[in-house]
Amino acid sequence: MGPISNTIILIVLACLLGLLYLTQVTKTNAYGFTVNSLQQQAAVLKTDNDNLQVEAARLQSLQRVASSDVAKNMVAVAPSGSVN
């Protein structure tokens, strides 16, 4: 083989390595988009979970107050009038 064919073979090999590199980078970017999307979904779900926990605590606190001994011993009072 002559120097010209060696040069052509080296150029072809460099092109093939470049294509291999580009395919790997493209796959990595595609996985990066998937990971980013999943991270956004996780953040939304965490926010929803926090909101639901606050709502559950609020609803449970109303039941606890209504069923407490102090609330059971309270007496209803009729309004006696207004202050001028």
PDB file of N, CA and C in Angstrom:
ATOM      1  N   MET A   1       0.834  -1.179   0.000  1.00  0.00           N
ATOM      2  CA  MET A   1       0.000   0.000   0.000  1.00  0.00           C
ATOM      3  C   MET A   1       0.878   1.242   0.000  1.00  0.00           C
ATOM      4  N   GLY A   2       0.398   2.204  -0.726  1.00  0.00           N
ATOM      5  CA  GLY A   2       1.166   3.427  -0.865  1.00  0.00           C
ATOM      6  C   GLY A   2       0.769   4.475   0.163  1.00  0.00           C
ATOM      7  N   PRO A   3       1.482   5.577   0.179  1.00  0.00           N
ATOM      8  CA  PRO A   3       1.194   6.640   1.153  1.00  0.00           C
ATOM      9  C   PRO A   3      -0.177   7.286   0.934  1.00  0.00           C
ATOM     10  N   ILE A   4      -0.658   7.323  -0.269  1.00  0.00           N
ATOM     11  CA  ILE A   4      -1.971   7.923  -0.540  1.00  0.00           C
ATOM     12  C   ILE A   4      -3.075   7.042   0.033  1.00  0.00           C
ATOM     13  N   SER A   5      -2.982   5.739  -0.159  1.00  0.00           N
ATOM     14  CA  SER A   5      -4.018   4.850   0.371  1.00  0.00           C
ATOM     15  C   SER A   5      -3.978   4.827   1.896  1.00  0.00           C
ATOM     16  N   ASN A   6      -2.793   4.915   2.486  1.00  0.00           N
ATOM     17  CA  ASN A   6      -2.698   4.988   3.944  1.00  0.00           C
ATOM     18  C   ASN A   6      -3.377   6.256   4.473  1.00  0.00           C
ATOM     19  N   THR A   7      -3.162   7.368   3.788  1.00  0.00           N
ATOM     20  CA  THR A   7      -3.797   8.624   4.188  1.00  0.00           C
ATOM     21  C   THR A   7      -5.312   8.528   4.081  1.00  0.00           C
ATOM     22  N   ILE A   8      -5.803   7.938   3.013  1.00  0.00           N
ATOM     23  CA  ILE A   8      -7.253   7.782   2.832  1.00  0.00           C
ATOM     24  C   ILE A   8      -7.830   6.888   3.925  1.00  0.00           C
ATOM     25  N   ILE A   9      -7.130   5.802   4.243  1.00  0.00           N
ATOM     26  CA  ILE A   9      -7.603   4.896   5.293  1.00  0.00           C
ATOM     27  C   ILE A   9      -7.639   5.613   6.640  1.00  0.00           C
ATOM     28  N   LEU A  10      -6.622   6.414   6.941  1.00  0.00           N
ATOM     29  CA  LEU A  10      -6.594   7.170   8.196  1.00  0.00           C
ATOM     30  C   LEU A  10      -7.733   8.187   8.256  1.00  0.00           C
ATOM     31  N   ILE A  11      -8.028   8.830   7.143  1.00  0.00           N
ATOM     32  CA  ILE A  11      -9.137   9.793   7.107  1.00  0.00           C
ATOM     33  C   ILE A  11     -10.467   9.084   7.331  1.00  0.00           C
ATOM     34  N   VAL A  12     -10.633   7.935   6.701  1.00  0.00           N
ATOM     35  CA  VAL A  12     -11.875   7.163   6.863  1.00  0.00           C
ATOM     36  C   VAL A  12     -12.013   6.703   8.311  1.00  0.00           C
ATOM     37  N   LEU A  13     -10.926   6.233   8.909  1.00  0.00           N
ATOM     38  CA  LEU A  13     -10.975   5.812  10.313  1.00  0.00           C
ATOM     39  C   LEU A  13     -11.294   6.990  11.242  1.00  0.00           C
ATOM     40  N   ALA A  14     -10.730   8.150  10.963  1.00  0.00           N
ATOM     41  CA  ALA A  14     -11.018   9.335  11.773  1.00  0.00           C
ATOM     42  C   ALA A  14     -12.492   9.711  11.643  1.00  0.00           C
ATOM     43  N   CYS A  15     -13.032   9.621  10.450  1.00  0.00           N
ATOM     44  CA  CYS A  15     -14.464   9.905  10.246  1.00  0.00           C
ATOM     45  C   CYS A  15     -15.333   8.909  11.004  1.00  0.00           C
ATOM     46  N   LEU A  16     -14.964   7.636  10.970  1.00  0.00           N
ATOM     47  CA  LEU A  16     -15.733   6.620  11.692  1.00  0.00           C
ATOM     48  C   LEU A  16     -15.676   6.855  13.196  1.00  0.00           C
ATOM     49  N   LEU A  17     -14.502   7.213  13.711  1.00  0.00           N
ATOM     50  CA  LEU A  17     -14.388   7.521  15.135  1.00  0.00           C
ATOM     51  C   LEU A  17     -15.215   8.761  15.499  1.00  0.00           C
ATOM     52  N   GLY A  18     -15.216   9.746  14.619  1.00  0.00           N
ATOM     53  CA  GLY A  18     -16.034  10.938  14.840  1.00  0.00           C
ATOM     54  C   GLY A  18     -17.518  10.606  14.875  1.00  0.00           C
ATOM     55  N   LEU A  19     -17.968   9.765  13.966  1.00  0.00           N
ATOM     56  CA  LEU A  19     -19.372   9.340  13.962  1.00  0.00           C
ATOM     57  C   LEU A  19     -19.715   8.555  15.219  1.00  0.00           C
ATOM     58  N   LEU A  20     -18.820   7.681  15.654  1.00  0.00           N
ATOM     59  CA  LEU A  20     -19.047   6.916  16.875  1.00  0.00           C
ATOM     60  C   LEU A  20     -19.158   7.859  18.073  1.00  0.00           C
ATOM     61  N   TYR A  21     -18.287   8.842  18.134  1.00  0.00           N
ATOM     62  CA  TYR A  21     -18.337   9.834  19.212  1.00  0.00           C
ATOM     63  C   TYR A  21     -19.666  10.595  19.197  1.00  0.00           C
ATOM     64  N   LEU A  22     -20.084  11.033  18.018  1.00  0.00           N
ATOM     65  CA  LEU A  22     -21.333  11.789  17.921  1.00  0.00           C
ATOM     66  C   LEU A  22     -22.536  10.955  18.331  1.00  0.00           C
ATOM     67  N   THR A  23     -22.562   9.675  17.977  1.00  0.00           N
ATOM     68  CA  THR A  23     -23.693   8.837  18.390  1.00  0.00           C
ATOM     69  C   THR A  23     -23.724   8.665  19.902  1.00  0.00           C
ATOM     70  N   GLN A  24     -22.564   8.533  20.525  1.00  0.00           N
ATOM     71  CA  GLN A  24     -22.520   8.393  21.979  1.00  0.00           C
ATOM     72  C   GLN A  24     -22.966   9.676  22.674  1.00  0.00           C
ATOM     73  N   VAL A  25     -22.545  10.817  22.159  1.00  0.00           N
ATOM     74  CA  VAL A  25     -22.948  12.100  22.743  1.00  0.00           C
ATOM     75  C   VAL A  25     -24.452  12.301  22.594  1.00  0.00           C
ATOM     76  N   THR A  26     -24.989  11.929  21.442  1.00  0.00           N
ATOM     77  CA  THR A  26     -26.425  12.069  21.222  1.00  0.00           C
ATOM     78  C   THR A  26     -27.209  11.190  22.184  1.00  0.00           C
ATOM     79  N   LYS A  27     -26.765   9.967  22.408  1.00  0.00           N
ATOM     80  CA  LYS A  27     -27.441   9.078  23.356  1.00  0.00           C
ATOM     81  C   LYS A  27     -27.379   9.654  24.770  1.00  0.00           C
ATOM     82  N   THR A  28     -26.218  10.195  25.134  1.00  0.00           N
ATOM     83  CA  THR A  28     -26.069  10.787  26.463  1.00  0.00           C
ATOM     84  C   THR A  28     -27.017  11.959  26.640  1.00  0.00           C
ATOM     85  N   ASN A  29     -27.144  12.797  25.623  1.00  0.00           N
ATOM     86  CA  ASN A  29     -28.070  13.927  25.700  1.00  0.00           C
ATOM     87  C   ASN A  29     -29.513  13.457  25.819  1.00  0.00           C
ATOM     88  N   ALA A  30     -29.869  12.415  25.103  1.00  0.00           N
ATOM     89  CA  ALA A  30     -31.238  11.885  25.182  1.00  0.00           C
ATOM     90  C   ALA A  30     -31.518  11.374  26.589  1.00  0.00           C
ATOM     91  N   TYR A  31     -30.553  10.685  27.200  1.00  0.00           N
ATOM     92  CA  TYR A  31     -30.742  10.222  28.572  1.00  0.00           C
ATOM     93  C   TYR A  31     -30.812  11.396  29.534  1.00  0.00           C
ATOM     94  N   GLY A  32     -30.062  12.448  29.243  1.00  0.00           N
ATOM     95  CA  GLY A  32     -30.099  13.643  30.087  1.00  0.00           C
ATOM     96  C   GLY A  32     -31.473  14.289  30.080  1.00  0.00           C
ATOM     97  N   PHE A  33     -32.124  14.334  28.913  1.00  0.00           N
ATOM     98  CA  PHE A  33     -33.470  14.888  28.838  1.00  0.00           C
ATOM     99  C   PHE A  33     -34.452  14.028  29.623  1.00  0.00           C
ATOM    100  N   THR A  34     -34.286  12.720  29.553  1.00  0.00           N
ATOM    101  CA  THR A  34     -35.163  11.816  30.296  1.00  0.00           C
ATOM    102  C   THR A  34     -34.980  12.011  31.792  1.00  0.00           C
ATOM    103  N   VAL A  35     -33.744  12.115  32.231  1.00  0.00           N
ATOM    104  CA  VAL A  35     -33.461  12.311  33.653  1.00  0.00           C
ATOM    105  C   VAL A  35     -34.031  13.645  34.118  1.00  0.00           C
ATOM    106  N   ASN A  36     -33.869  14.690  33.320  1.00  0.00           N
ATOM    107  CA  ASN A  36     -34.395  16.006  33.675  1.00  0.00           C
ATOM    108  C   ASN A  36     -35.912  15.960  33.803  1.00  0.00           C
ATOM    109  N   SER A  37     -36.570  15.292  32.888  1.00  0.00           N
ATOM    110  CA  SER A  37     -38.027  15.163  32.943  1.00  0.00           C
ATOM    111  C   SER A  37     -38.458  14.419  34.201  1.00  0.00           C
ATOM    112  N   LEU A  38     -37.758  13.356  34.536  1.00  0.00           N
ATOM    113  CA  LEU A  38     -38.102  12.591  35.738  1.00  0.00           C
ATOM    114  C   LEU A  38     -37.834  13.401  37.002  1.00  0.00           C
ATOM    115  N   GLN A  39     -36.803  14.226  37.013  1.00  0.00           N
ATOM    116  CA  GLN A  39     -36.528  15.074  38.168  1.00  0.00           C
ATOM    117  C   GLN A  39     -37.629  16.118  38.345  1.00  0.00           C
ATOM    118  N   GLN A  40     -38.127  16.666  37.243  1.00  0.00           N
ATOM    119  CA  GLN A  40     -39.220  17.630  37.330  1.00  0.00           C
ATOM    120  C   GLN A  40     -40.483  16.961  37.865  1.00  0.00           C
ATOM    121  N   GLN A  41     -40.767  15.745  37.396  1.00  0.00           N
ATOM    122  CA  GLN A  41     -41.938  15.010  37.901  1.00  0.00           C
ATOM    123  C   GLN A  41     -41.787  14.720  39.385  1.00  0.00           C
ATOM    124  N   ALA A  42     -40.592  14.369  39.815  1.00  0.00           N
ATOM    125  CA  ALA A  42     -40.356  14.089  41.231  1.00  0.00           C
ATOM    126  C   ALA A  42     -40.569  15.346  42.068  1.00  0.00           C
ATOM    127  N   ALA A  43     -40.137  16.488  41.572  1.00  0.00           N
ATOM    128  CA  ALA A  43     -40.330  17.747  42.310  1.00  0.00           C
ATOM    129  C   ALA A  43     -41.811  18.080  42.430  1.00  0.00           C
ATOM    130  N   VAL A  44     -42.565  17.876  41.357  1.00  0.00           N
ATOM    131  CA  VAL A  44     -44.010  18.140  41.395  1.00  0.00           C
ATOM    132  C   VAL A  44     -44.690  17.189  42.372  1.00  0.00           C
ATOM    133  N   LEU A  45     -44.317  15.925  42.335  1.00  0.00           N
ATOM    134  CA  LEU A  45     -44.916  14.943  43.246  1.00  0.00           C
ATOM    135  C   LEU A  45     -44.559  15.240  44.698  1.00  0.00           C
ATOM    136  N   LYS A  46     -43.343  15.705  44.938  1.00  0.00           N
ATOM    137  CA  LYS A  46     -42.954  16.056  46.307  1.00  0.00           C
ATOM    138  C   LYS A  46     -43.769  17.236  46.807  1.00  0.00           C
ATOM    139  N   THR A  47     -43.986  18.234  45.963  1.00  0.00           N
ATOM    140  CA  THR A  47     -44.807  19.382  46.338  1.00  0.00           C
ATOM    141  C   THR A  47     -46.237  18.947  46.636  1.00  0.00           C
ATOM    142  N   ASP A  48     -46.791  18.086  45.780  1.00  0.00           N
ATOM    143  CA  ASP A  48     -48.137  17.566  46.019  1.00  0.00           C
ATOM    144  C   ASP A  48     -48.200  16.792  47.325  1.00  0.00           C
ATOM    145  N   ASN A  49     -47.181  15.985  47.597  1.00  0.00           N
ATOM    146  CA  ASN A  49     -47.149  15.209  48.829  1.00  0.00           C
ATOM    147  C   ASN A  49     -47.110  16.127  50.046  1.00  0.00           C
ATOM    148  N   ASP A  50     -46.288  17.182  49.985  1.00  0.00           N
ATOM    149  CA  ASP A  50     -46.211  18.138  51.096  1.00  0.00           C
ATOM    150  C   ASP A  50     -47.557  18.824  51.325  1.00  0.00           C
ATOM    151  N   ASN A  51     -48.204  19.221  50.231  1.00  0.00           N
ATOM    152  CA  ASN A  51     -49.519  19.865  50.357  1.00  0.00           C
ATOM    153  C   ASN A  51     -50.549  18.911  50.955  1.00  0.00           C
ATOM    154  N   LEU A  52     -50.521  17.663  50.540  1.00  0.00           N
ATOM    155  CA  LEU A  52     -51.465  16.680  51.078  1.00  0.00           C
ATOM    156  C   LEU A  52     -51.199  16.393  52.549  1.00  0.00           C
ATOM    157  N   GLN A  53     -49.938  16.385  52.951  1.00  0.00           N
ATOM    158  CA  GLN A  53     -49.625  16.163  54.364  1.00  0.00           C
ATOM    159  C   GLN A  53     -50.124  17.321  55.220  1.00  0.00           C
ATOM    160  N   VAL A  54     -49.980  18.537  54.717  1.00  0.00           N
ATOM    161  CA  VAL A  54     -50.484  19.700  55.455  1.00  0.00           C
ATOM    162  C   VAL A  54     -52.003  19.634  55.554  1.00  0.00           C
ATOM    163  N   GLU A  55     -52.666  19.279  54.475  1.00  0.00           N
ATOM    164  CA  GLU A  55     -54.131  19.170  54.478  1.00  0.00           C
ATOM    165  C   GLU A  55     -54.598  18.074  55.427  1.00  0.00           C
ATOM    166  N   ALA A  56     -53.908  16.951  55.427  1.00  0.00           N
ATOM    167  CA  ALA A  56     -54.268  15.851  56.331  1.00  0.00           C
ATOM    168  C   ALA A  56     -54.086  16.268  57.784  1.00  0.00           C
ATOM    169  N   ALA A  57     -53.017  16.969  58.086  1.00  0.00           N
ATOM    170  CA  ALA A  57     -52.785  17.440  59.454  1.00  0.00           C
ATOM    171  C   ALA A  57     -53.863  18.433  59.863  1.00  0.00           C
ATOM    172  N   ARG A  58     -54.261  19.302  58.939  1.00  0.00           N
ATOM    173  CA  ARG A  58     -55.309  20.281  59.244  1.00  0.00           C
ATOM    174  C   ARG A  58     -56.630  19.585  59.535  1.00  0.00           C
ATOM    175  N   LEU A  59     -56.992  18.630  58.721  1.00  0.00           N
ATOM    176  CA  LEU A  59     -58.253  17.920  58.924  1.00  0.00           C
ATOM    177  C   LEU A  59     -58.226  17.085  60.198  1.00  0.00           C
ATOM    178  N   GLN A  60     -57.105  16.469  60.496  1.00  0.00           N
ATOM    179  CA  GLN A  60     -57.002  15.675  61.721  1.00  0.00           C
ATOM    180  C   GLN A  60     -57.046  16.564  62.954  1.00  0.00           C
ATOM    181  N   SER A  61     -56.488  17.759  62.868  1.00  0.00           N
ATOM    182  CA  SER A  61     -56.486  18.637  64.037  1.00  0.00           C
ATOM    183  C   SER A  61     -57.907  19.079  64.369  1.00  0.00           C
ATOM    184  N   LEU A  62     -58.746  19.303  63.363  1.00  0.00           N
ATOM    185  CA  LEU A  62     -60.137  19.661  63.634  1.00  0.00           C
ATOM    186  C   LEU A  62     -60.872  18.532  64.342  1.00  0.00           C
ATOM    187  N   GLN A  63     -60.613  17.302  63.946  1.00  0.00           N
ATOM    188  CA  GLN A  63     -61.245  16.159  64.604  1.00  0.00           C
ATOM    189  C   GLN A  63     -60.734  16.013  66.030  1.00  0.00           C
ATOM    190  N   ARG A  64     -59.454  16.221  66.242  1.00  0.00           N
ATOM    191  CA  ARG A  64     -58.890  16.107  67.591  1.00  0.00           C
ATOM    192  C   ARG A  64     -59.463  17.159  68.519  1.00  0.00           C
ATOM    193  N   VAL A  65     -59.601  18.384  68.026  1.00  0.00           N
ATOM    194  CA  VAL A  65     -60.146  19.455  68.854  1.00  0.00           C
ATOM    195  C   VAL A  65     -61.597  19.166  69.182  1.00  0.00           C
ATOM    196  N   ALA A  66     -62.364  18.720  68.211  1.00  0.00           N
ATOM    197  CA  ALA A  66     -63.791  18.446  68.441  1.00  0.00           C
ATOM    198  C   ALA A  66     -63.989  17.290  69.404  1.00  0.00           C
ATOM    199  N   SER A  67     -63.108  16.315  69.413  1.00  0.00           N
ATOM    200  CA  SER A  67     -63.294  15.148  70.278  1.00  0.00           C
ATOM    201  C   SER A  67     -62.505  15.244  71.581  1.00  0.00           C
ATOM    202  N   SER A  68     -61.863  16.374  71.855  1.00  0.00           N
ATOM    203  CA  SER A  68     -61.080  16.501  73.082  1.00  0.00           C
ATOM    204  C   SER A  68     -62.005  16.683  74.288  1.00  0.00           C
ATOM    205  N   ASP A  69     -61.490  16.415  75.477  1.00  0.00           N
ATOM    206  CA  ASP A  69     -62.272  16.554  76.705  1.00  0.00           C
ATOM    207  C   ASP A  69     -62.654  18.010  76.947  1.00  0.00           C
ATOM    208  N   VAL A  70     -61.783  18.924  76.619  1.00  0.00           N
ATOM    209  CA  VAL A  70     -62.069  20.345  76.817  1.00  0.00           C
ATOM    210  C   VAL A  70     -63.245  20.769  75.953  1.00  0.00           C
ATOM    211  N   ALA A  71     -63.254  20.334  74.693  1.00  0.00           N
ATOM    212  CA  ALA A  71     -64.351  20.703  73.803  1.00  0.00           C
ATOM    213  C   ALA A  71     -65.658  20.064  74.242  1.00  0.00           C
ATOM    214  N   LYS A  72     -65.619  18.873  74.774  1.00  0.00           N
ATOM    215  CA  LYS A  72     -66.844  18.204  75.228  1.00  0.00           C
ATOM    216  C   LYS A  72     -67.431  18.889  76.454  1.00  0.00           C
ATOM    217  N   ASN A  73     -66.591  19.496  77.298  1.00  0.00           N
ATOM    218  CA  ASN A  73     -67.066  20.149  78.516  1.00  0.00           C
ATOM    219  C   ASN A  73     -67.506  21.591  78.283  1.00  0.00           C
ATOM    220  N   MET A  74     -67.368  22.118  77.087  1.00  0.00           N
ATOM    221  CA  MET A  74     -67.770  23.490  76.804  1.00  0.00           C
ATOM    222  C   MET A  74     -69.281  23.561  76.698  1.00  0.00           C
ATOM    223  N   VAL A  75     -69.822  24.737  77.076  1.00  0.00           N
ATOM    224  CA  VAL A  75     -71.263  24.959  77.044  1.00  0.00           C
ATOM    225  C   VAL A  75     -71.529  26.083  76.042  1.00  0.00           C
ATOM    226  N   ALA A  76     -72.569  25.925  75.268  1.00  0.00           N
ATOM    227  CA  ALA A  76     -72.944  26.962  74.306  1.00  0.00           C
ATOM    228  C   ALA A  76     -73.541  28.147  75.047  1.00  0.00           C
ATOM    229  N   VAL A  77     -73.195  29.342  74.630  1.00  0.00           N
ATOM    230  CA  VAL A  77     -73.667  30.559  75.302  1.00  0.00           C
ATOM    231  C   VAL A  77     -74.412  31.399  74.272  1.00  0.00           C
ATOM    232  N   ALA A  78     -75.576  31.898  74.679  1.00  0.00           N
ATOM    233  CA  ALA A  78     -76.342  32.771  73.805  1.00  0.00           C
ATOM    234  C   ALA A  78     -75.790  34.189  73.912  1.00  0.00           C
ATOM    235  N   PRO A  79     -75.787  34.948  72.854  1.00  0.00           N
ATOM    236  CA  PRO A  79     -75.294  36.316  72.925  1.00  0.00           C
ATOM    237  C   PRO A  79     -76.179  37.156  73.849  1.00  0.00           C
ATOM    238  N   SER A  80     -75.555  37.944  74.705  1.00  0.00           N
ATOM    239  CA  SER A  80     -76.302  38.711  75.691  1.00  0.00           C
ATOM    240  C   SER A  80     -76.588  40.130  75.236  1.00  0.00           C
ATOM    241  N   GLY A  81     -75.962  40.584  74.239  1.00  0.00           N
ATOM    242  CA  GLY A  81     -76.199  41.937  73.751  1.00  0.00           C
ATOM    243  C   GLY A  81     -74.941  42.482  73.114  1.00  0.00           C
ATOM    244  N   SER A  82     -74.954  43.735  72.785  1.00  0.00           N
ATOM    245  CA  SER A  82     -73.803  44.352  72.159  1.00  0.00           C
ATOM    246  C   SER A  82     -73.340  45.536  72.982  1.00  0.00           C
ATOM    247  N   VAL A  83     -72.098  45.880  72.860  1.00  0.00           N
ATOM    248  CA  VAL A  83     -71.503  46.994  73.574  1.00  0.00           C
ATOM    249  C   VAL A  83     -71.504  48.199  72.657  1.00  0.00           C
ATOM    250  N   ASN A  84     -71.970  49.312  73.194  1.00  0.00           N
ATOM    251  CA  ASN A  84     -71.991  50.532  72.384  1.00  0.00           C
ATOM    252  C   ASN A  84     -70.748  51.331  72.571  1.00  0.00           C
TER     253      ASN A  84
END
